[in-house]
Amino acid sequence: MYVAISYCELKSCAKVNLKMLGIHPKGLVSPNPLNAARLNIPNSPNISVLFCTHPDGEYIVEEISGYKLIIKKPDSKKIKANLEGCRNQKDFTIWVFEPNGNHWMPTHLETLRAFHNLNRPNKQSLFCAIKDVVLNFIEPVESWRTHHCQNIIVEGYPSLLILSYLKWMAVLEDTHYPPNTYLGRKMAFAGYVLINSGLYTPDEIKRLLRIWQ
């Protein structure tokens, strides 16, 4: 979703990014923003099927004050089971393009590590926002505002960016591991539940759940 956010709302735009919350694998060709088509699919219980029906290609799916989320479809990972209603079920990669041109693929583990480093009040607010985006299908910007995350900065990045790419990482999990047969997006959210409990670290979760490896 293309979101116009004022400077007052997104104060973290002025922060210096210290590190990526993901990776840029060697040998993997990243998408080209100049060739990517714009695609606006609001969060909803059928978002995975709606995106699944789109043809192979590169898509700008979210824009947040200079940041772009771009999906490249397909990738090489094997799908675990059929997603009902999907006509073009294929793996895809999710990329964050920063205003300065840096780009990377967000990962569950690096995002969990950044979440783990937040102070308790910010962690609780962002946890509730993530839950609404991933499990309750609320649009990231709506959840971001409802849970008062405007001033939360995650390793130098605006929290709205994290919520926006988690929306699509949940779609990816539903595509790879379709619900009913597998846990899909529920498995992706499990790490935040464990971290928010205060009983686990990200590296402990990495050993517990294969999804974080």
N, C-alpha and C. Protein backbone atom coordinates (compact mmCIF):
# COMPACT_ATOMS: atom_id res chain seq x y z
N MET A 1 0.85 -1.18 0.00
CA MET A 1 0.00 0.00 0.00
C MET A 1 0.89 1.24 0.00
N TYR A 2 0.53 2.27 -0.74
CA TYR A 2 1.34 3.46 -0.87
C TYR A 2 0.86 4.47 0.15
N VAL A 3 1.73 4.79 1.11
CA VAL A 3 1.33 5.56 2.27
C VAL A 3 2.06 6.90 2.29
N ALA A 4 1.30 7.97 2.37
CA ALA A 4 1.88 9.30 2.54
C ALA A 4 1.92 9.61 4.03
N ILE A 5 3.12 9.71 4.59
CA ILE A 5 3.30 9.94 6.01
C ILE A 5 4.02 11.27 6.20
N SER A 6 3.52 12.09 7.10
CA SER A 6 4.14 13.38 7.35
C SER A 6 5.44 13.20 8.12
N TYR A 7 6.29 14.23 8.08
CA TYR A 7 7.55 14.19 8.83
C TYR A 7 7.27 14.03 10.31
N CYS A 8 6.22 14.69 10.79
CA CYS A 8 5.90 14.61 12.23
C CYS A 8 5.57 13.19 12.65
N GLU A 9 4.96 12.43 11.76
CA GLU A 9 4.60 11.05 12.08
C GLU A 9 5.80 10.12 11.97
N LEU A 10 6.66 10.36 11.00
CA LEU A 10 7.75 9.42 10.71
C LEU A 10 9.09 10.09 11.02
N LYS A 11 9.28 10.45 12.27
CA LYS A 11 10.49 11.16 12.69
C LYS A 11 11.75 10.34 12.42
N SER A 12 11.62 9.03 12.38
CA SER A 12 12.79 8.18 12.22
C SER A 12 13.42 8.28 10.84
N CYS A 13 12.77 8.97 9.89
CA CYS A 13 13.37 9.14 8.56
C CYS A 13 14.72 9.83 8.66
N ALA A 14 14.90 10.66 9.68
CA ALA A 14 16.14 11.41 9.81
C ALA A 14 17.26 10.60 10.46
N LYS A 15 16.96 9.41 10.94
CA LYS A 15 17.95 8.60 11.62
C LYS A 15 18.90 7.94 10.62
N VAL A 16 20.09 7.66 11.07
CA VAL A 16 21.07 6.97 10.23
C VAL A 16 20.91 5.47 10.41
N ASN A 17 20.77 4.76 9.31
CA ASN A 17 20.62 3.31 9.39
C ASN A 17 21.97 2.69 9.73
N LEU A 18 22.01 1.88 10.78
CA LEU A 18 23.25 1.30 11.25
C LEU A 18 23.55 -0.03 10.56
N LYS A 19 22.52 -0.80 10.25
CA LYS A 19 22.74 -2.08 9.60
C LYS A 19 21.45 -2.54 8.95
N MET A 20 21.57 -3.46 8.04
CA MET A 20 20.39 -4.03 7.40
C MET A 20 19.72 -5.01 8.36
N LEU A 21 18.43 -5.17 8.20
CA LEU A 21 17.70 -6.17 8.98
C LEU A 21 17.47 -7.41 8.12
N GLY A 22 18.50 -7.75 7.36
CA GLY A 22 18.39 -8.90 6.49
C GLY A 22 19.71 -9.16 5.79
N ILE A 23 19.63 -9.67 4.58
CA ILE A 23 20.83 -10.10 3.86
C ILE A 23 20.71 -9.72 2.38
N HIS A 24 21.83 -9.74 1.69
CA HIS A 24 21.86 -9.65 0.23
C HIS A 24 22.71 -10.82 -0.24
N PRO A 25 22.09 -11.97 -0.49
CA PRO A 25 22.86 -13.19 -0.83
C PRO A 25 23.71 -13.00 -2.07
N LYS A 26 24.92 -13.53 -2.02
CA LYS A 26 25.81 -13.48 -3.17
C LYS A 26 25.23 -14.30 -4.32
N GLY A 27 25.30 -13.75 -5.49
CA GLY A 27 24.83 -14.47 -6.67
C GLY A 27 23.35 -14.33 -6.95
N LEU A 28 22.60 -13.71 -6.03
CA LEU A 28 21.16 -13.54 -6.24
C LEU A 28 20.91 -12.18 -6.87
N VAL A 29 20.27 -12.17 -8.02
CA VAL A 29 20.00 -10.93 -8.74
C VAL A 29 18.80 -10.23 -8.11
N SER A 30 19.01 -9.00 -7.68
CA SER A 30 17.93 -8.24 -7.06
C SER A 30 17.01 -7.65 -8.12
N PRO A 31 15.79 -7.30 -7.75
CA PRO A 31 14.87 -6.69 -8.72
C PRO A 31 15.34 -5.29 -9.11
N ASN A 32 14.83 -4.81 -10.21
CA ASN A 32 15.13 -3.47 -10.70
C ASN A 32 13.92 -2.57 -10.45
N PRO A 33 14.05 -1.59 -9.56
CA PRO A 33 12.90 -0.72 -9.27
C PRO A 33 12.33 -0.02 -10.49
N LEU A 34 13.18 0.23 -11.48
CA LEU A 34 12.73 0.94 -12.69
C LEU A 34 11.83 0.06 -13.55
N ASN A 35 11.97 -1.26 -13.41
CA ASN A 35 11.17 -2.18 -14.22
C ASN A 35 9.99 -2.77 -13.46
N ALA A 36 9.92 -2.50 -12.16
CA ALA A 36 8.88 -3.12 -11.33
C ALA A 36 7.53 -2.43 -11.52
N ALA A 37 6.49 -3.24 -11.61
CA ALA A 37 5.13 -2.73 -11.70
C ALA A 37 4.60 -2.42 -10.31
N ARG A 38 3.72 -1.47 -10.22
CA ARG A 38 3.11 -1.13 -8.93
C ARG A 38 1.90 -2.02 -8.69
N LEU A 39 1.81 -2.55 -7.49
CA LEU A 39 0.73 -3.47 -7.15
C LEU A 39 0.24 -3.13 -5.75
N ASN A 40 -1.03 -2.81 -5.63
CA ASN A 40 -1.61 -2.41 -4.35
C ASN A 40 -2.62 -3.46 -3.91
N ILE A 41 -2.24 -4.29 -2.93
CA ILE A 41 -3.14 -5.30 -2.38
C ILE A 41 -3.26 -5.06 -0.88
N PRO A 42 -4.39 -4.55 -0.40
CA PRO A 42 -4.56 -4.33 1.04
C PRO A 42 -4.50 -5.65 1.81
N ASN A 43 -4.11 -5.56 3.06
CA ASN A 43 -4.07 -6.73 3.92
C ASN A 43 -5.48 -7.27 4.13
N SER A 44 -5.62 -8.58 4.06
CA SER A 44 -6.92 -9.21 4.22
C SER A 44 -6.70 -10.72 4.37
N PRO A 45 -7.71 -11.47 4.85
CA PRO A 45 -7.53 -12.91 5.00
C PRO A 45 -7.22 -13.65 3.71
N ASN A 46 -7.54 -13.06 2.55
CA ASN A 46 -7.25 -13.74 1.28
C ASN A 46 -6.11 -13.09 0.50
N ILE A 47 -5.27 -12.31 1.19
CA ILE A 47 -4.18 -11.62 0.49
C ILE A 47 -3.21 -12.59 -0.18
N SER A 48 -2.95 -13.73 0.45
CA SER A 48 -2.01 -14.68 -0.14
C SER A 48 -2.53 -15.24 -1.46
N VAL A 49 -3.82 -15.54 -1.52
CA VAL A 49 -4.42 -16.05 -2.75
C VAL A 49 -4.46 -14.95 -3.81
N LEU A 50 -4.78 -13.72 -3.39
CA LEU A 50 -4.85 -12.61 -4.34
C LEU A 50 -3.49 -12.36 -4.99
N PHE A 51 -2.42 -12.39 -4.18
CA PHE A 51 -1.10 -12.19 -4.78
C PHE A 51 -0.68 -13.41 -5.59
N CYS A 52 -1.04 -14.57 -5.11
CA CYS A 52 -0.65 -15.83 -5.76
C CYS A 52 -1.13 -15.90 -7.20
N THR A 53 -2.24 -15.26 -7.50
CA THR A 53 -2.81 -15.32 -8.85
C THR A 53 -2.07 -14.43 -9.85
N HIS A 54 -1.22 -13.52 -9.35
CA HIS A 54 -0.52 -12.62 -10.26
C HIS A 54 0.62 -13.35 -10.98
N PRO A 55 0.90 -12.93 -12.20
CA PRO A 55 1.95 -13.61 -12.98
C PRO A 55 3.34 -13.33 -12.43
N ASP A 56 4.31 -14.07 -12.93
CA ASP A 56 5.70 -13.84 -12.55
C ASP A 56 6.09 -12.41 -12.92
N GLY A 57 6.98 -11.84 -12.11
CA GLY A 57 7.43 -10.48 -12.40
C GLY A 57 7.97 -9.81 -11.16
N GLU A 58 8.19 -8.51 -11.26
CA GLU A 58 8.69 -7.70 -10.16
C GLU A 58 7.65 -6.64 -9.84
N TYR A 59 7.34 -6.50 -8.54
CA TYR A 59 6.24 -5.64 -8.12
C TYR A 59 6.66 -4.75 -6.95
N ILE A 60 6.38 -3.46 -7.05
CA ILE A 60 6.48 -2.56 -5.91
C ILE A 60 5.17 -2.67 -5.15
N VAL A 61 5.21 -3.22 -3.94
CA VAL A 61 3.97 -3.50 -3.20
C VAL A 61 3.72 -2.53 -2.06
N GLU A 62 4.77 -1.85 -1.58
CA GLU A 62 4.61 -0.88 -0.49
C GLU A 62 5.62 0.25 -0.71
N GLU A 63 5.23 1.45 -0.35
CA GLU A 63 6.14 2.60 -0.35
C GLU A 63 5.92 3.38 0.92
N ILE A 64 7.01 3.63 1.66
CA ILE A 64 6.94 4.34 2.93
C ILE A 64 8.02 5.41 2.96
N SER A 65 7.65 6.65 2.63
CA SER A 65 8.56 7.79 2.74
C SER A 65 9.95 7.52 2.18
N GLY A 66 10.00 7.11 0.94
CA GLY A 66 11.27 6.88 0.28
C GLY A 66 11.73 5.43 0.25
N TYR A 67 11.23 4.62 1.15
CA TYR A 67 11.53 3.18 1.13
C TYR A 67 10.54 2.48 0.20
N LYS A 68 11.05 1.49 -0.52
CA LYS A 68 10.19 0.69 -1.39
C LYS A 68 10.34 -0.79 -1.03
N LEU A 69 9.23 -1.49 -0.98
CA LEU A 69 9.24 -2.95 -0.85
C LEU A 69 8.93 -3.52 -2.23
N ILE A 70 9.85 -4.35 -2.71
CA ILE A 70 9.70 -4.92 -4.05
C ILE A 70 9.74 -6.44 -3.95
N ILE A 71 8.78 -7.06 -4.58
CA ILE A 71 8.70 -8.53 -4.63
C ILE A 71 9.17 -9.00 -6.00
N LYS A 72 10.00 -10.04 -5.98
CA LYS A 72 10.45 -10.67 -7.22
C LYS A 72 9.94 -12.10 -7.24
N LYS A 73 9.16 -12.42 -8.26
CA LYS A 73 8.53 -13.73 -8.39
C LYS A 73 8.85 -14.29 -9.76
N PRO A 74 9.33 -15.54 -9.85
CA PRO A 74 9.49 -16.52 -8.76
C PRO A 74 10.91 -16.55 -8.23
N ASP A 75 11.11 -17.38 -7.19
CA ASP A 75 12.43 -17.76 -6.72
C ASP A 75 12.50 -19.28 -6.79
N SER A 76 13.52 -19.86 -6.19
CA SER A 76 13.79 -21.29 -6.43
C SER A 76 13.30 -22.25 -5.35
N LYS A 77 12.81 -21.73 -4.24
CA LYS A 77 12.43 -22.60 -3.14
C LYS A 77 11.18 -23.40 -3.48
N LYS A 78 11.16 -24.65 -3.07
CA LYS A 78 10.04 -25.55 -3.39
C LYS A 78 8.86 -25.31 -2.45
N ILE A 79 7.67 -25.22 -3.04
CA ILE A 79 6.44 -25.06 -2.26
C ILE A 79 6.11 -26.37 -1.56
N LYS A 80 5.64 -26.28 -0.30
CA LYS A 80 5.40 -27.48 0.51
C LYS A 80 4.03 -28.12 0.26
N ALA A 81 3.04 -27.31 -0.09
CA ALA A 81 1.69 -27.85 -0.31
C ALA A 81 0.90 -26.84 -1.15
N ASN A 82 -0.22 -27.28 -1.69
CA ASN A 82 -1.03 -26.41 -2.53
C ASN A 82 -1.81 -25.40 -1.70
N LEU A 83 -1.81 -24.16 -2.15
CA LEU A 83 -2.62 -23.11 -1.54
C LEU A 83 -3.94 -23.04 -2.30
N GLU A 84 -5.02 -23.35 -1.64
CA GLU A 84 -6.33 -23.44 -2.29
C GLU A 84 -6.71 -22.11 -2.93
N GLY A 85 -7.12 -22.18 -4.18
CA GLY A 85 -7.56 -21.00 -4.91
C GLY A 85 -6.47 -20.28 -5.65
N CYS A 86 -5.23 -20.75 -5.52
CA CYS A 86 -4.09 -20.08 -6.15
C CYS A 86 -3.83 -20.66 -7.53
N ARG A 87 -3.64 -19.77 -8.52
CA ARG A 87 -3.42 -20.22 -9.89
C ARG A 87 -1.95 -20.13 -10.32
N ASN A 88 -1.13 -19.48 -9.50
CA ASN A 88 0.29 -19.35 -9.87
C ASN A 88 1.13 -19.34 -8.60
N GLN A 89 1.07 -20.44 -7.87
CA GLN A 89 1.73 -20.54 -6.57
C GLN A 89 3.22 -20.78 -6.75
N LYS A 90 4.01 -19.75 -6.49
CA LYS A 90 5.45 -19.85 -6.64
C LYS A 90 6.13 -19.09 -5.51
N ASP A 91 7.34 -19.52 -5.21
CA ASP A 91 8.17 -18.82 -4.24
C ASP A 91 8.48 -17.41 -4.76
N PHE A 92 8.76 -16.49 -3.83
CA PHE A 92 9.18 -15.15 -4.23
C PHE A 92 10.10 -14.57 -3.17
N THR A 93 10.84 -13.54 -3.56
CA THR A 93 11.72 -12.86 -2.62
C THR A 93 11.17 -11.46 -2.35
N ILE A 94 11.46 -10.96 -1.14
CA ILE A 94 11.01 -9.64 -0.72
C ILE A 94 12.25 -8.78 -0.50
N TRP A 95 12.26 -7.60 -1.07
CA TRP A 95 13.42 -6.71 -0.99
C TRP A 95 13.02 -5.36 -0.44
N VAL A 96 13.87 -4.81 0.41
CA VAL A 96 13.74 -3.42 0.87
C VAL A 96 14.74 -2.58 0.08
N PHE A 97 14.25 -1.55 -0.58
CA PHE A 97 15.10 -0.57 -1.23
C PHE A 97 15.06 0.72 -0.43
N GLU A 98 16.22 1.13 0.07
CA GLU A 98 16.31 2.33 0.89
C GLU A 98 16.38 3.57 -0.01
N PRO A 99 16.09 4.75 0.55
CA PRO A 99 16.16 5.98 -0.26
C PRO A 99 17.54 6.22 -0.86
N ASN A 100 18.60 5.73 -0.21
CA ASN A 100 19.96 5.93 -0.73
C ASN A 100 20.38 4.87 -1.75
N GLY A 101 19.47 3.95 -2.06
CA GLY A 101 19.77 2.92 -3.06
C GLY A 101 20.21 1.59 -2.49
N ASN A 102 20.60 1.54 -1.22
CA ASN A 102 20.92 0.25 -0.60
C ASN A 102 19.71 -0.66 -0.66
N HIS A 103 19.93 -1.94 -0.82
CA HIS A 103 18.80 -2.87 -0.85
C HIS A 103 19.21 -4.21 -0.26
N TRP A 104 18.22 -4.89 0.33
CA TRP A 104 18.47 -6.13 1.06
C TRP A 104 17.15 -6.88 1.24
N MET A 105 17.30 -8.17 1.55
CA MET A 105 16.14 -9.02 1.81
C MET A 105 15.94 -9.14 3.32
N PRO A 106 14.80 -8.68 3.86
CA PRO A 106 14.56 -8.82 5.29
C PRO A 106 14.47 -10.29 5.69
N THR A 107 14.98 -10.61 6.88
CA THR A 107 14.89 -11.99 7.38
C THR A 107 14.21 -12.00 8.74
N HIS A 108 13.61 -13.13 9.06
CA HIS A 108 12.97 -13.29 10.36
C HIS A 108 13.98 -13.11 11.49
N LEU A 109 15.13 -13.74 11.35
CA LEU A 109 16.09 -13.75 12.45
C LEU A 109 16.63 -12.36 12.75
N GLU A 110 17.05 -11.60 11.74
CA GLU A 110 17.58 -10.26 11.98
C GLU A 110 16.50 -9.33 12.51
N THR A 111 15.28 -9.49 12.05
CA THR A 111 14.19 -8.66 12.57
C THR A 111 13.89 -9.01 14.02
N LEU A 112 13.93 -10.29 14.34
CA LEU A 112 13.74 -10.72 15.73
C LEU A 112 14.84 -10.16 16.64
N ARG A 113 16.06 -10.16 16.17
CA ARG A 113 17.16 -9.62 16.97
C ARG A 113 16.94 -8.14 17.26
N ALA A 114 16.50 -7.40 16.24
CA ALA A 114 16.24 -5.97 16.43
C ALA A 114 15.06 -5.76 17.38
N PHE A 115 14.03 -6.56 17.25
CA PHE A 115 12.87 -6.50 18.14
C PHE A 115 13.29 -6.78 19.58
N HIS A 116 14.14 -7.77 19.75
CA HIS A 116 14.63 -8.16 21.07
C HIS A 116 15.37 -7.00 21.75
N ASN A 117 16.03 -6.13 20.98
CA ASN A 117 16.83 -5.05 21.54
C ASN A 117 16.02 -3.82 21.94
N LEU A 118 14.74 -3.79 21.61
CA LEU A 118 13.89 -2.65 21.98
C LEU A 118 13.67 -2.61 23.49
N ASN A 119 13.42 -1.40 24.02
CA ASN A 119 13.03 -1.35 25.44
C ASN A 119 11.63 -1.91 25.62
N ARG A 120 11.29 -2.23 26.84
CA ARG A 120 10.05 -2.96 27.09
C ARG A 120 8.79 -2.24 26.59
N PRO A 121 8.60 -0.94 26.86
CA PRO A 121 7.38 -0.29 26.36
C PRO A 121 7.28 -0.32 24.83
N ASN A 122 8.40 -0.02 24.13
CA ASN A 122 8.37 -0.06 22.67
C ASN A 122 8.16 -1.47 22.14
N LYS A 123 8.76 -2.43 22.82
CA LYS A 123 8.60 -3.82 22.40
C LYS A 123 7.13 -4.25 22.50
N GLN A 124 6.47 -3.85 23.59
CA GLN A 124 5.07 -4.24 23.77
C GLN A 124 4.17 -3.57 22.74
N SER A 125 4.42 -2.29 22.46
CA SER A 125 3.61 -1.60 21.45
C SER A 125 3.79 -2.22 20.08
N LEU A 126 5.05 -2.48 19.72
CA LEU A 126 5.31 -3.06 18.40
C LEU A 126 4.82 -4.49 18.30
N PHE A 127 4.89 -5.23 19.41
CA PHE A 127 4.35 -6.59 19.42
C PHE A 127 2.87 -6.58 19.06
N CYS A 128 2.11 -5.69 19.69
CA CYS A 128 0.67 -5.61 19.40
C CYS A 128 0.42 -5.21 17.96
N ALA A 129 1.25 -4.31 17.43
CA ALA A 129 1.10 -3.89 16.04
C ALA A 129 1.41 -5.04 15.09
N ILE A 130 2.48 -5.80 15.38
CA ILE A 130 2.85 -6.94 14.54
C ILE A 130 1.73 -7.99 14.56
N LYS A 131 1.18 -8.25 15.73
CA LYS A 131 0.10 -9.23 15.84
C LYS A 131 -1.08 -8.83 14.97
N ASP A 132 -1.44 -7.55 14.98
CA ASP A 132 -2.57 -7.09 14.17
C ASP A 132 -2.29 -7.24 12.68
N VAL A 133 -1.06 -6.96 12.27
CA VAL A 133 -0.71 -7.06 10.85
C VAL A 133 -0.68 -8.51 10.41
N VAL A 134 0.00 -9.36 11.18
CA VAL A 134 0.24 -10.74 10.75
C VAL A 134 -0.97 -11.64 10.97
N LEU A 135 -1.61 -11.54 12.12
CA LEU A 135 -2.70 -12.46 12.46
C LEU A 135 -4.10 -11.89 12.23
N ASN A 136 -4.24 -10.57 12.34
CA ASN A 136 -5.57 -9.97 12.22
C ASN A 136 -5.77 -9.23 10.91
N PHE A 137 -4.75 -9.26 10.03
CA PHE A 137 -4.84 -8.72 8.67
C PHE A 137 -5.17 -7.22 8.64
N ILE A 138 -4.65 -6.48 9.61
CA ILE A 138 -4.80 -5.04 9.62
C ILE A 138 -3.70 -4.42 8.76
N GLU A 139 -4.02 -3.38 8.03
CA GLU A 139 -3.00 -2.70 7.24
C GLU A 139 -1.91 -2.14 8.15
N PRO A 140 -0.64 -2.24 7.74
CA PRO A 140 0.47 -1.78 8.59
C PRO A 140 0.31 -0.36 9.12
N VAL A 141 -0.07 0.60 8.26
CA VAL A 141 -0.15 1.98 8.73
C VAL A 141 -1.26 2.15 9.76
N GLU A 142 -2.35 1.43 9.62
CA GLU A 142 -3.44 1.50 10.59
C GLU A 142 -3.00 0.93 11.94
N SER A 143 -2.33 -0.22 11.90
CA SER A 143 -1.85 -0.84 13.13
C SER A 143 -0.77 0.02 13.79
N TRP A 144 0.09 0.60 12.99
CA TRP A 144 1.17 1.47 13.45
C TRP A 144 0.62 2.65 14.24
N ARG A 145 -0.46 3.24 13.72
CA ARG A 145 -1.08 4.38 14.40
C ARG A 145 -1.87 3.95 15.63
N THR A 146 -2.62 2.86 15.50
CA THR A 146 -3.45 2.40 16.61
C THR A 146 -2.62 2.09 17.84
N HIS A 147 -1.45 1.51 17.63
CA HIS A 147 -0.60 1.09 18.76
C HIS A 147 0.52 2.09 19.06
N HIS A 148 0.41 3.29 18.49
CA HIS A 148 1.29 4.42 18.84
C HIS A 148 2.76 4.06 18.63
N CYS A 149 3.06 3.59 17.43
CA CYS A 149 4.44 3.20 17.10
C CYS A 149 5.20 4.27 16.32
N GLN A 150 4.63 5.47 16.19
CA GLN A 150 5.24 6.49 15.34
C GLN A 150 6.66 6.84 15.74
N ASN A 151 6.97 6.80 17.02
CA ASN A 151 8.30 7.20 17.49
C ASN A 151 9.23 6.01 17.72
N ILE A 152 8.80 4.83 17.34
CA ILE A 152 9.64 3.64 17.54
C ILE A 152 10.58 3.48 16.35
N ILE A 153 11.86 3.41 16.65
CA ILE A 153 12.90 3.22 15.64
C ILE A 153 13.54 1.86 15.89
N VAL A 154 13.67 1.07 14.86
CA VAL A 154 14.19 -0.29 14.99
C VAL A 154 15.53 -0.37 14.25
N GLU A 155 16.62 -0.32 15.01
CA GLU A 155 17.97 -0.33 14.44
C GLU A 155 18.14 0.74 13.36
N GLY A 156 17.55 1.91 13.59
CA GLY A 156 17.68 3.01 12.65
C GLY A 156 16.58 3.09 11.61
N TYR A 157 15.71 2.09 11.54
CA TYR A 157 14.65 2.05 10.53
C TYR A 157 13.30 2.38 11.16
N PRO A 158 12.40 3.04 10.39
CA PRO A 158 11.06 3.33 10.90
C PRO A 158 10.27 2.05 11.14
N SER A 159 9.56 2.02 12.26
CA SER A 159 8.80 0.81 12.59
C SER A 159 7.74 0.50 11.54
N LEU A 160 7.25 1.51 10.83
CA LEU A 160 6.27 1.26 9.77
C LEU A 160 6.87 0.41 8.65
N LEU A 161 8.15 0.58 8.38
CA LEU A 161 8.81 -0.25 7.37
C LEU A 161 8.81 -1.70 7.81
N ILE A 162 9.12 -1.95 9.07
CA ILE A 162 9.14 -3.33 9.58
C ILE A 162 7.75 -3.96 9.48
N LEU A 163 6.73 -3.22 9.91
CA LEU A 163 5.36 -3.74 9.82
C LEU A 163 4.98 -4.03 8.37
N SER A 164 5.43 -3.18 7.46
CA SER A 164 5.07 -3.35 6.05
C SER A 164 5.72 -4.58 5.44
N TYR A 165 6.99 -4.82 5.76
CA TYR A 165 7.58 -6.03 5.17
C TYR A 165 7.13 -7.29 5.88
N LEU A 166 6.76 -7.19 7.17
CA LEU A 166 6.20 -8.37 7.84
C LEU A 166 4.85 -8.77 7.25
N LYS A 167 4.11 -7.81 6.76
CA LYS A 167 2.86 -8.12 6.05
C LYS A 167 3.14 -9.09 4.90
N TRP A 168 4.21 -8.82 4.14
CA TRP A 168 4.51 -9.64 2.96
C TRP A 168 5.28 -10.90 3.31
N MET A 169 6.04 -10.86 4.40
CA MET A 169 6.68 -12.10 4.84
C MET A 169 5.63 -13.10 5.32
N ALA A 170 4.54 -12.60 5.88
CA ALA A 170 3.44 -13.48 6.27
C ALA A 170 2.78 -14.10 5.03
N VAL A 171 2.64 -13.30 3.98
CA VAL A 171 2.12 -13.83 2.71
C VAL A 171 3.04 -14.92 2.17
N LEU A 172 4.34 -14.68 2.26
CA LEU A 172 5.32 -15.67 1.79
C LEU A 172 5.19 -16.97 2.57
N GLU A 173 5.04 -16.88 3.89
CA GLU A 173 4.91 -18.10 4.70
C GLU A 173 3.63 -18.86 4.36
N ASP A 174 2.54 -18.14 4.12
CA ASP A 174 1.29 -18.80 3.71
C ASP A 174 1.43 -19.47 2.35
N THR A 175 2.26 -18.88 1.48
CA THR A 175 2.48 -19.44 0.15
C THR A 175 3.33 -20.71 0.23
N HIS A 176 4.38 -20.66 1.05
CA HIS A 176 5.26 -21.82 1.22
C HIS A 176 4.62 -22.93 2.04
N TYR A 177 3.99 -22.53 3.13
CA TYR A 177 3.45 -23.48 4.11
C TYR A 177 1.97 -23.17 4.34
N PRO A 178 1.11 -23.52 3.38
CA PRO A 178 -0.30 -23.12 3.43
C PRO A 178 -0.99 -23.56 4.73
N PRO A 179 -1.79 -22.65 5.30
CA PRO A 179 -2.53 -22.96 6.53
C PRO A 179 -3.40 -24.20 6.37
N ASN A 180 -3.71 -24.78 7.48
CA ASN A 180 -4.44 -26.05 7.64
C ASN A 180 -3.48 -27.23 7.49
N THR A 181 -2.73 -27.26 6.37
CA THR A 181 -1.70 -28.30 6.25
C THR A 181 -0.49 -27.94 7.12
N TYR A 182 -0.10 -26.66 7.07
CA TYR A 182 1.01 -26.14 7.87
C TYR A 182 0.52 -24.92 8.65
N LEU A 183 1.42 -24.30 9.42
CA LEU A 183 1.04 -23.14 10.23
C LEU A 183 1.13 -21.82 9.47
N GLY A 184 1.88 -21.77 8.38
CA GLY A 184 1.97 -20.55 7.60
C GLY A 184 2.40 -19.36 8.45
N ARG A 185 1.63 -18.27 8.38
CA ARG A 185 1.96 -17.03 9.06
C ARG A 185 1.99 -17.18 10.59
N LYS A 186 1.28 -18.14 11.12
CA LYS A 186 1.31 -18.35 12.57
C LYS A 186 2.71 -18.76 13.04
N MET A 187 3.40 -19.53 12.22
CA MET A 187 4.76 -19.90 12.56
C MET A 187 5.67 -18.68 12.53
N ALA A 188 5.45 -17.78 11.56
CA ALA A 188 6.24 -16.56 11.48
C ALA A 188 6.05 -15.69 12.71
N PHE A 189 4.85 -15.69 13.26
CA PHE A 189 4.56 -14.85 14.43
C PHE A 189 5.07 -15.47 15.73
N ALA A 190 5.27 -16.78 15.74
CA ALA A 190 5.65 -17.48 16.98
C ALA A 190 6.91 -16.90 17.60
N GLY A 191 7.87 -16.49 16.78
CA GLY A 191 9.11 -15.94 17.32
C GLY A 191 8.89 -14.69 18.15
N TYR A 192 7.95 -13.85 17.73
CA TYR A 192 7.67 -12.62 18.46
C TYR A 192 6.99 -12.91 19.79
N VAL A 193 6.17 -13.95 19.80
CA VAL A 193 5.54 -14.36 21.06
C VAL A 193 6.60 -14.80 22.05
N LEU A 194 7.54 -15.60 21.59
CA LEU A 194 8.59 -16.12 22.46
C LEU A 194 9.52 -15.01 22.94
N ILE A 195 9.91 -14.12 22.05
CA ILE A 195 10.77 -13.01 22.46
C ILE A 195 10.04 -12.09 23.43
N ASN A 196 8.78 -11.80 23.14
CA ASN A 196 8.01 -10.89 23.99
C ASN A 196 7.79 -11.47 25.38
N SER A 197 7.86 -12.79 25.51
CA SER A 197 7.69 -13.42 26.82
C SER A 197 8.87 -13.12 27.74
N GLY A 198 10.00 -12.75 27.16
CA GLY A 198 11.20 -12.49 27.94
C GLY A 198 11.97 -13.73 28.33
N LEU A 199 11.52 -14.89 27.86
CA LEU A 199 12.14 -16.15 28.26
C LEU A 199 13.12 -16.70 27.23
N TYR A 200 13.13 -16.12 26.04
CA TYR A 200 13.95 -16.66 24.97
C TYR A 200 14.73 -15.54 24.29
N THR A 201 15.87 -15.88 23.74
CA THR A 201 16.64 -14.98 22.89
C THR A 201 16.45 -15.42 21.43
N PRO A 202 16.75 -14.53 20.49
CA PRO A 202 16.63 -14.92 19.08
C PRO A 202 17.46 -16.14 18.71
N ASP A 203 18.67 -16.25 19.25
CA ASP A 203 19.51 -17.41 18.90
C ASP A 203 18.96 -18.71 19.49
N GLU A 204 18.29 -18.62 20.64
CA GLU A 204 17.63 -19.81 21.18
C GLU A 204 16.45 -20.22 20.31
N ILE A 205 15.73 -19.23 19.81
CA ILE A 205 14.60 -19.52 18.93
C ILE A 205 15.08 -20.12 17.61
N LYS A 206 16.24 -19.64 17.15
CA LYS A 206 16.81 -20.20 15.92
C LYS A 206 17.02 -21.70 16.06
N ARG A 207 17.41 -22.14 17.24
CA ARG A 207 17.62 -23.58 17.46
C ARG A 207 16.30 -24.32 17.63
N LEU A 208 15.26 -23.61 18.08
CA LEU A 208 13.97 -24.25 18.33
C LEU A 208 13.15 -24.44 17.06
N LEU A 209 13.16 -23.41 16.21
CA LEU A 209 12.27 -23.41 15.06
C LEU A 209 13.06 -23.32 13.76
N ARG A 210 12.85 -24.22 12.86
CA ARG A 210 13.61 -24.26 11.62
C ARG A 210 13.42 -23.00 10.79
N ILE A 211 12.28 -22.32 10.96
CA ILE A 211 11.98 -21.13 10.16
C ILE A 211 13.00 -20.04 10.37
N TRP A 212 13.67 -20.03 11.50
CA TRP A 212 14.62 -18.97 11.78
C TRP A 212 16.02 -19.32 11.29
N GLN A 213 16.22 -20.47 10.72
CA GLN A 213 17.55 -20.87 10.28
C GLN A 213 17.86 -20.32 8.88
